[in-house]
Amino acid sequence: MSSCSSGEPAQAKEWQEDYCAKLGSWQDARHATAADATDTGGDDGEPARAPESDSLGTAGTLAIAAAKRLAGEGIEHGGSHILDDTVYAVGGDAGAERRAVSYCDSSGFETLVDSAG
């Protein structure tokens, strides 16, 4: 871990945990939305609108905001670009999601995210 510009390792760890929790929440919302998309809806033949789709957008926004804080404080591993990876992951890039999840794994917060495979 690079040193935090605030000089407080405990604060850096809190921000990493917050980021990984938000990334995991985005993954959960994405999985829920995907599961609801397979629902054919009611008897009228119209597909059901996934209520989680709004939470997916919100969860993605929150994960990106947490990544901005990490990037702004220089809390990244080995030259990773956590903000870019998060933005691309939220946009559907599986490789970027794997890199973001790997960041959480190496930060010690692997239980907060799903493996991206």
N, C-alpha and C. Protein backbone atom coordinates (compact mmCIF):
# COMPACT_ATOMS: atom_id res chain seq x y z
N MET A 1 0.84 -1.17 0.00
CA MET A 1 0.00 0.00 0.00
C MET A 1 0.88 1.23 0.00
N SER A 2 0.58 2.17 -0.84
CA SER A 2 1.27 3.45 -0.82
C SER A 2 0.82 4.19 0.41
N SER A 3 1.66 5.10 0.87
CA SER A 3 1.26 5.84 2.05
C SER A 3 0.16 6.83 1.71
N CYS A 4 -0.70 7.04 2.64
CA CYS A 4 -1.81 7.97 2.49
C CYS A 4 -1.28 9.37 2.64
N SER A 5 -1.79 10.30 1.85
CA SER A 5 -1.29 11.67 1.93
C SER A 5 -1.59 12.29 3.27
N SER A 6 -2.62 11.79 3.97
CA SER A 6 -2.92 12.32 5.29
C SER A 6 -1.96 11.78 6.33
N GLY A 7 -1.19 10.74 5.97
CA GLY A 7 -0.22 10.17 6.89
C GLY A 7 -0.84 9.26 7.93
N GLU A 8 -2.10 8.93 7.82
CA GLU A 8 -2.78 8.10 8.80
C GLU A 8 -3.13 6.74 8.19
N PRO A 9 -2.34 5.71 8.50
CA PRO A 9 -2.62 4.38 7.94
C PRO A 9 -4.00 3.85 8.33
N ALA A 10 -4.48 4.17 9.53
CA ALA A 10 -5.80 3.69 9.95
C ALA A 10 -6.89 4.30 9.06
N GLN A 11 -6.74 5.55 8.71
CA GLN A 11 -7.71 6.21 7.83
C GLN A 11 -7.67 5.58 6.44
N ALA A 12 -6.48 5.30 5.96
CA ALA A 12 -6.34 4.66 4.65
C ALA A 12 -7.04 3.31 4.65
N LYS A 13 -6.88 2.53 5.70
CA LYS A 13 -7.51 1.21 5.79
C LYS A 13 -9.04 1.35 5.80
N GLU A 14 -9.55 2.37 6.51
CA GLU A 14 -11.00 2.61 6.52
C GLU A 14 -11.51 2.93 5.12
N TRP A 15 -10.77 3.74 4.37
CA TRP A 15 -11.18 4.10 3.02
C TRP A 15 -11.14 2.88 2.09
N GLN A 16 -10.14 2.03 2.29
CA GLN A 16 -10.07 0.80 1.49
C GLN A 16 -11.26 -0.10 1.80
N GLU A 17 -11.57 -0.25 3.07
CA GLU A 17 -12.70 -1.09 3.46
C GLU A 17 -14.01 -0.52 2.89
N ASP A 18 -14.16 0.80 2.98
CA ASP A 18 -15.35 1.45 2.44
C ASP A 18 -15.47 1.21 0.93
N TYR A 19 -14.34 1.35 0.23
CA TYR A 19 -14.35 1.11 -1.21
C TYR A 19 -14.76 -0.33 -1.52
N CYS A 20 -14.15 -1.28 -0.86
CA CYS A 20 -14.44 -2.69 -1.14
C CYS A 20 -15.88 -3.03 -0.79
N ALA A 21 -16.41 -2.46 0.28
CA ALA A 21 -17.81 -2.69 0.64
C ALA A 21 -18.73 -2.13 -0.45
N LYS A 22 -18.39 -0.96 -0.97
CA LYS A 22 -19.22 -0.36 -2.01
C LYS A 22 -19.09 -1.10 -3.33
N LEU A 23 -17.91 -1.59 -3.63
CA LEU A 23 -17.73 -2.40 -4.84
C LEU A 23 -18.56 -3.68 -4.71
N GLY A 24 -18.52 -4.30 -3.54
CA GLY A 24 -19.31 -5.50 -3.29
C GLY A 24 -20.81 -5.23 -3.38
N SER A 25 -21.25 -4.08 -2.89
CA SER A 25 -22.66 -3.72 -2.99
C SER A 25 -23.08 -3.54 -4.44
N TRP A 26 -22.19 -2.93 -5.24
CA TRP A 26 -22.47 -2.79 -6.67
C TRP A 26 -22.58 -4.17 -7.31
N GLN A 27 -21.67 -5.08 -6.98
CA GLN A 27 -21.74 -6.42 -7.53
C GLN A 27 -23.06 -7.10 -7.15
N ASP A 28 -23.47 -6.95 -5.89
CA ASP A 28 -24.72 -7.55 -5.43
C ASP A 28 -25.90 -6.98 -6.21
N ALA A 29 -25.92 -5.67 -6.40
CA ALA A 29 -27.01 -5.02 -7.15
C ALA A 29 -27.02 -5.49 -8.60
N ARG A 30 -25.84 -5.64 -9.18
CA ARG A 30 -25.75 -6.12 -10.57
C ARG A 30 -26.28 -7.53 -10.69
N HIS A 31 -25.91 -8.39 -9.74
CA HIS A 31 -26.40 -9.77 -9.76
C HIS A 31 -27.93 -9.81 -9.59
N ALA A 32 -28.46 -8.98 -8.70
CA ALA A 32 -29.90 -8.94 -8.48
C ALA A 32 -30.63 -8.44 -9.72
N THR A 33 -30.06 -7.44 -10.37
CA THR A 33 -30.66 -6.90 -11.59
C THR A 33 -30.64 -7.93 -12.70
N ALA A 34 -29.54 -8.65 -12.82
CA ALA A 34 -29.44 -9.69 -13.85
C ALA A 34 -30.45 -10.80 -13.58
N ALA A 35 -30.62 -11.16 -12.33
CA ALA A 35 -31.58 -12.21 -11.98
C ALA A 35 -33.00 -11.75 -12.28
N ASP A 36 -33.29 -10.49 -11.98
CA ASP A 36 -34.63 -9.96 -12.26
C ASP A 36 -34.89 -9.80 -13.74
N ALA A 37 -33.86 -9.61 -14.52
CA ALA A 37 -34.03 -9.45 -15.97
C ALA A 37 -34.53 -10.74 -16.61
N THR A 38 -34.30 -11.86 -15.95
CA THR A 38 -34.79 -13.13 -16.49
C THR A 38 -36.26 -13.35 -16.17
N ASP A 39 -36.81 -12.52 -15.28
CA ASP A 39 -38.24 -12.59 -14.94
C ASP A 39 -39.04 -12.06 -16.12
N THR A 40 -40.03 -12.81 -16.56
CA THR A 40 -40.82 -12.39 -17.72
C THR A 40 -41.93 -11.43 -17.36
N GLY A 41 -42.11 -11.12 -16.11
CA GLY A 41 -43.11 -10.13 -15.74
C GLY A 41 -44.45 -10.75 -15.43
N GLY A 42 -45.47 -9.90 -15.48
CA GLY A 42 -46.82 -10.32 -15.14
C GLY A 42 -47.52 -10.97 -16.30
N ASP A 43 -48.82 -11.12 -16.15
CA ASP A 43 -49.65 -11.78 -17.16
C ASP A 43 -49.85 -10.94 -18.42
N ASP A 44 -49.51 -9.65 -18.37
CA ASP A 44 -49.73 -8.78 -19.52
C ASP A 44 -48.65 -8.93 -20.59
N GLY A 45 -47.68 -9.78 -20.36
CA GLY A 45 -46.63 -10.01 -21.34
C GLY A 45 -45.52 -8.98 -21.31
N GLU A 46 -45.66 -7.95 -20.50
CA GLU A 46 -44.63 -6.92 -20.38
C GLU A 46 -43.56 -7.40 -19.40
N PRO A 47 -42.29 -7.16 -19.74
CA PRO A 47 -41.25 -7.53 -18.79
C PRO A 47 -41.36 -6.71 -17.51
N ALA A 48 -41.06 -7.34 -16.42
CA ALA A 48 -41.07 -6.61 -15.15
C ALA A 48 -39.88 -5.69 -15.09
N ARG A 49 -40.08 -4.49 -14.61
CA ARG A 49 -38.96 -3.56 -14.43
C ARG A 49 -38.28 -3.95 -13.14
N ALA A 50 -36.99 -4.16 -13.23
CA ALA A 50 -36.24 -4.58 -12.05
C ALA A 50 -36.12 -3.42 -11.08
N PRO A 51 -36.68 -3.55 -9.87
CA PRO A 51 -36.55 -2.46 -8.91
C PRO A 51 -35.10 -2.24 -8.52
N GLU A 52 -34.28 -3.26 -8.67
CA GLU A 52 -32.88 -3.12 -8.31
C GLU A 52 -32.09 -2.31 -9.35
N SER A 53 -32.68 -2.04 -10.53
CA SER A 53 -31.92 -1.33 -11.55
C SER A 53 -31.56 0.07 -11.09
N ASP A 54 -32.45 0.71 -10.32
CA ASP A 54 -32.12 2.03 -9.76
C ASP A 54 -31.00 1.90 -8.73
N SER A 55 -31.07 0.85 -7.92
CA SER A 55 -30.03 0.68 -6.91
C SER A 55 -28.70 0.31 -7.56
N LEU A 56 -28.74 -0.32 -8.74
CA LEU A 56 -27.50 -0.63 -9.45
C LEU A 56 -26.77 0.65 -9.83
N GLY A 57 -27.49 1.61 -10.38
CA GLY A 57 -26.87 2.89 -10.74
C GLY A 57 -26.32 3.62 -9.53
N THR A 58 -27.09 3.61 -8.46
CA THR A 58 -26.66 4.27 -7.23
C THR A 58 -25.43 3.57 -6.66
N ALA A 59 -25.45 2.25 -6.64
CA ALA A 59 -24.32 1.49 -6.11
C ALA A 59 -23.06 1.74 -6.94
N GLY A 60 -23.21 1.82 -8.26
CA GLY A 60 -22.08 2.11 -9.12
C GLY A 60 -21.50 3.49 -8.84
N THR A 61 -22.38 4.46 -8.68
CA THR A 61 -21.95 5.82 -8.37
C THR A 61 -21.20 5.88 -7.05
N LEU A 62 -21.70 5.16 -6.05
CA LEU A 62 -21.04 5.14 -4.74
C LEU A 62 -19.67 4.47 -4.80
N ALA A 63 -19.56 3.38 -5.58
CA ALA A 63 -18.26 2.71 -5.74
C ALA A 63 -17.26 3.62 -6.43
N ILE A 64 -17.71 4.34 -7.44
CA ILE A 64 -16.82 5.27 -8.15
C ILE A 64 -16.38 6.39 -7.23
N ALA A 65 -17.29 6.92 -6.42
CA ALA A 65 -16.94 7.99 -5.47
C ALA A 65 -15.89 7.50 -4.47
N ALA A 66 -16.04 6.27 -3.99
CA ALA A 66 -15.06 5.71 -3.05
C ALA A 66 -13.71 5.51 -3.74
N ALA A 67 -13.73 5.11 -5.02
CA ALA A 67 -12.48 4.95 -5.77
C ALA A 67 -11.80 6.30 -5.98
N LYS A 68 -12.59 7.35 -6.19
CA LYS A 68 -12.01 8.70 -6.35
C LYS A 68 -11.26 9.10 -5.09
N ARG A 69 -11.84 8.77 -3.93
CA ARG A 69 -11.17 9.12 -2.68
C ARG A 69 -9.84 8.38 -2.56
N LEU A 70 -9.83 7.09 -2.89
CA LEU A 70 -8.58 6.32 -2.83
C LEU A 70 -7.55 6.89 -3.79
N ALA A 71 -7.98 7.17 -5.01
CA ALA A 71 -7.05 7.70 -6.02
C ALA A 71 -6.54 9.07 -5.60
N GLY A 72 -7.42 9.90 -5.06
CA GLY A 72 -7.03 11.23 -4.64
C GLY A 72 -6.04 11.23 -3.49
N GLU A 73 -6.10 10.21 -2.66
CA GLU A 73 -5.20 10.10 -1.52
C GLU A 73 -3.96 9.27 -1.85
N GLY A 74 -3.88 8.74 -3.05
CA GLY A 74 -2.72 7.94 -3.45
C GLY A 74 -2.68 6.58 -2.80
N ILE A 75 -3.85 6.04 -2.46
CA ILE A 75 -3.92 4.74 -1.80
C ILE A 75 -4.20 3.69 -2.87
N GLU A 76 -3.19 3.34 -3.61
CA GLU A 76 -3.31 2.35 -4.67
C GLU A 76 -2.15 1.39 -4.55
N HIS A 77 -2.33 0.20 -5.09
CA HIS A 77 -1.29 -0.83 -5.04
C HIS A 77 -0.55 -0.90 -6.36
N GLY A 78 0.73 -1.00 -6.29
CA GLY A 78 1.56 -1.33 -7.44
C GLY A 78 1.20 -0.68 -8.76
N GLY A 79 0.93 0.60 -8.74
CA GLY A 79 0.65 1.30 -9.98
C GLY A 79 -0.73 1.04 -10.55
N SER A 80 -1.62 0.44 -9.76
CA SER A 80 -2.97 0.22 -10.27
C SER A 80 -3.68 1.56 -10.41
N HIS A 81 -4.69 1.55 -11.19
CA HIS A 81 -5.49 2.75 -11.38
C HIS A 81 -6.91 2.43 -10.95
N ILE A 82 -7.12 2.45 -9.64
CA ILE A 82 -8.37 1.97 -9.06
C ILE A 82 -9.57 2.75 -9.57
N LEU A 83 -9.42 4.03 -9.80
CA LEU A 83 -10.54 4.82 -10.29
C LEU A 83 -10.92 4.38 -11.71
N ASP A 84 -9.93 4.27 -12.58
CA ASP A 84 -10.21 3.82 -13.95
C ASP A 84 -10.82 2.42 -13.95
N ASP A 85 -10.23 1.53 -13.16
CA ASP A 85 -10.73 0.16 -13.12
C ASP A 85 -12.18 0.12 -12.63
N THR A 86 -12.50 0.95 -11.65
CA THR A 86 -13.86 0.96 -11.11
C THR A 86 -14.85 1.52 -12.13
N VAL A 87 -14.48 2.61 -12.77
CA VAL A 87 -15.36 3.19 -13.79
C VAL A 87 -15.62 2.18 -14.90
N TYR A 88 -14.57 1.53 -15.37
CA TYR A 88 -14.73 0.54 -16.44
C TYR A 88 -15.51 -0.68 -15.97
N ALA A 89 -15.29 -1.09 -14.72
CA ALA A 89 -16.03 -2.24 -14.18
C ALA A 89 -17.52 -1.94 -14.13
N VAL A 90 -17.87 -0.77 -13.63
CA VAL A 90 -19.28 -0.37 -13.55
C VAL A 90 -19.87 -0.29 -14.96
N GLY A 91 -19.03 0.03 -15.93
CA GLY A 91 -19.48 0.08 -17.32
C GLY A 91 -19.57 -1.28 -17.99
N GLY A 92 -19.15 -2.33 -17.31
CA GLY A 92 -19.30 -3.68 -17.84
C GLY A 92 -18.02 -4.38 -18.26
N ASP A 93 -16.87 -3.80 -17.98
CA ASP A 93 -15.59 -4.40 -18.34
C ASP A 93 -15.18 -5.43 -17.29
N ALA A 94 -15.26 -6.71 -17.66
CA ALA A 94 -14.95 -7.80 -16.73
C ALA A 94 -13.49 -7.78 -16.28
N GLY A 95 -12.58 -7.41 -17.16
CA GLY A 95 -11.16 -7.34 -16.80
C GLY A 95 -10.92 -6.28 -15.75
N ALA A 96 -11.56 -5.13 -15.91
CA ALA A 96 -11.43 -4.06 -14.92
C ALA A 96 -12.03 -4.49 -13.59
N GLU A 97 -13.13 -5.22 -13.65
CA GLU A 97 -13.73 -5.71 -12.41
C GLU A 97 -12.78 -6.67 -11.70
N ARG A 98 -12.12 -7.55 -12.45
CA ARG A 98 -11.14 -8.46 -11.84
C ARG A 98 -10.02 -7.68 -11.16
N ARG A 99 -9.55 -6.61 -11.80
CA ARG A 99 -8.48 -5.81 -11.19
C ARG A 99 -8.97 -5.11 -9.92
N ALA A 100 -10.19 -4.61 -9.94
CA ALA A 100 -10.75 -3.95 -8.76
C ALA A 100 -10.91 -4.95 -7.61
N VAL A 101 -11.42 -6.13 -7.94
CA VAL A 101 -11.57 -7.19 -6.93
C VAL A 101 -10.21 -7.60 -6.40
N SER A 102 -9.22 -7.68 -7.27
CA SER A 102 -7.86 -8.04 -6.85
C SER A 102 -7.31 -7.00 -5.87
N TYR A 103 -7.63 -5.73 -6.12
CA TYR A 103 -7.22 -4.67 -5.19
C TYR A 103 -7.80 -4.95 -3.81
N CYS A 104 -9.08 -5.30 -3.75
CA CYS A 104 -9.70 -5.59 -2.45
C CYS A 104 -9.08 -6.83 -1.81
N ASP A 105 -8.81 -7.84 -2.63
CA ASP A 105 -8.15 -9.05 -2.13
C ASP A 105 -6.81 -8.71 -1.48
N SER A 106 -6.01 -7.92 -2.18
CA SER A 106 -4.67 -7.61 -1.66
C SER A 106 -4.72 -6.62 -0.50
N SER A 107 -5.85 -5.92 -0.34
CA SER A 107 -6.01 -4.99 0.78
C SER A 107 -6.53 -5.69 2.03
N GLY A 108 -6.91 -6.96 1.89
CA GLY A 108 -7.41 -7.71 3.03
C GLY A 108 -8.92 -7.68 3.17
N PHE A 109 -9.62 -7.23 2.14
CA PHE A 109 -11.07 -7.13 2.22
C PHE A 109 -11.75 -8.02 1.17
N GLU A 110 -11.16 -9.19 0.95
CA GLU A 110 -11.66 -10.11 -0.06
C GLU A 110 -13.07 -10.62 0.25
N THR A 111 -13.45 -10.61 1.52
CA THR A 111 -14.79 -11.11 1.86
C THR A 111 -15.90 -10.11 1.52
N LEU A 112 -15.52 -8.88 1.17
CA LEU A 112 -16.52 -7.87 0.85
C LEU A 112 -16.91 -7.87 -0.61
N VAL A 113 -16.18 -8.59 -1.44
CA VAL A 113 -16.44 -8.61 -2.88
C VAL A 113 -16.57 -10.05 -3.37
N ASP A 114 -17.22 -10.17 -4.54
CA ASP A 114 -17.29 -11.48 -5.19
C ASP A 114 -16.11 -11.59 -6.13
N SER A 115 -15.63 -12.80 -6.32
CA SER A 115 -14.57 -12.96 -7.30
C SER A 115 -15.14 -12.63 -8.67
N ALA A 116 -14.36 -12.00 -9.48
CA ALA A 116 -14.80 -11.65 -10.84
C ALA A 116 -14.15 -12.62 -11.79
N GLY A 117 -14.92 -13.46 -12.36
CA GLY A 117 -14.31 -14.45 -13.22
C GLY A 117 -15.06 -14.65 -14.42
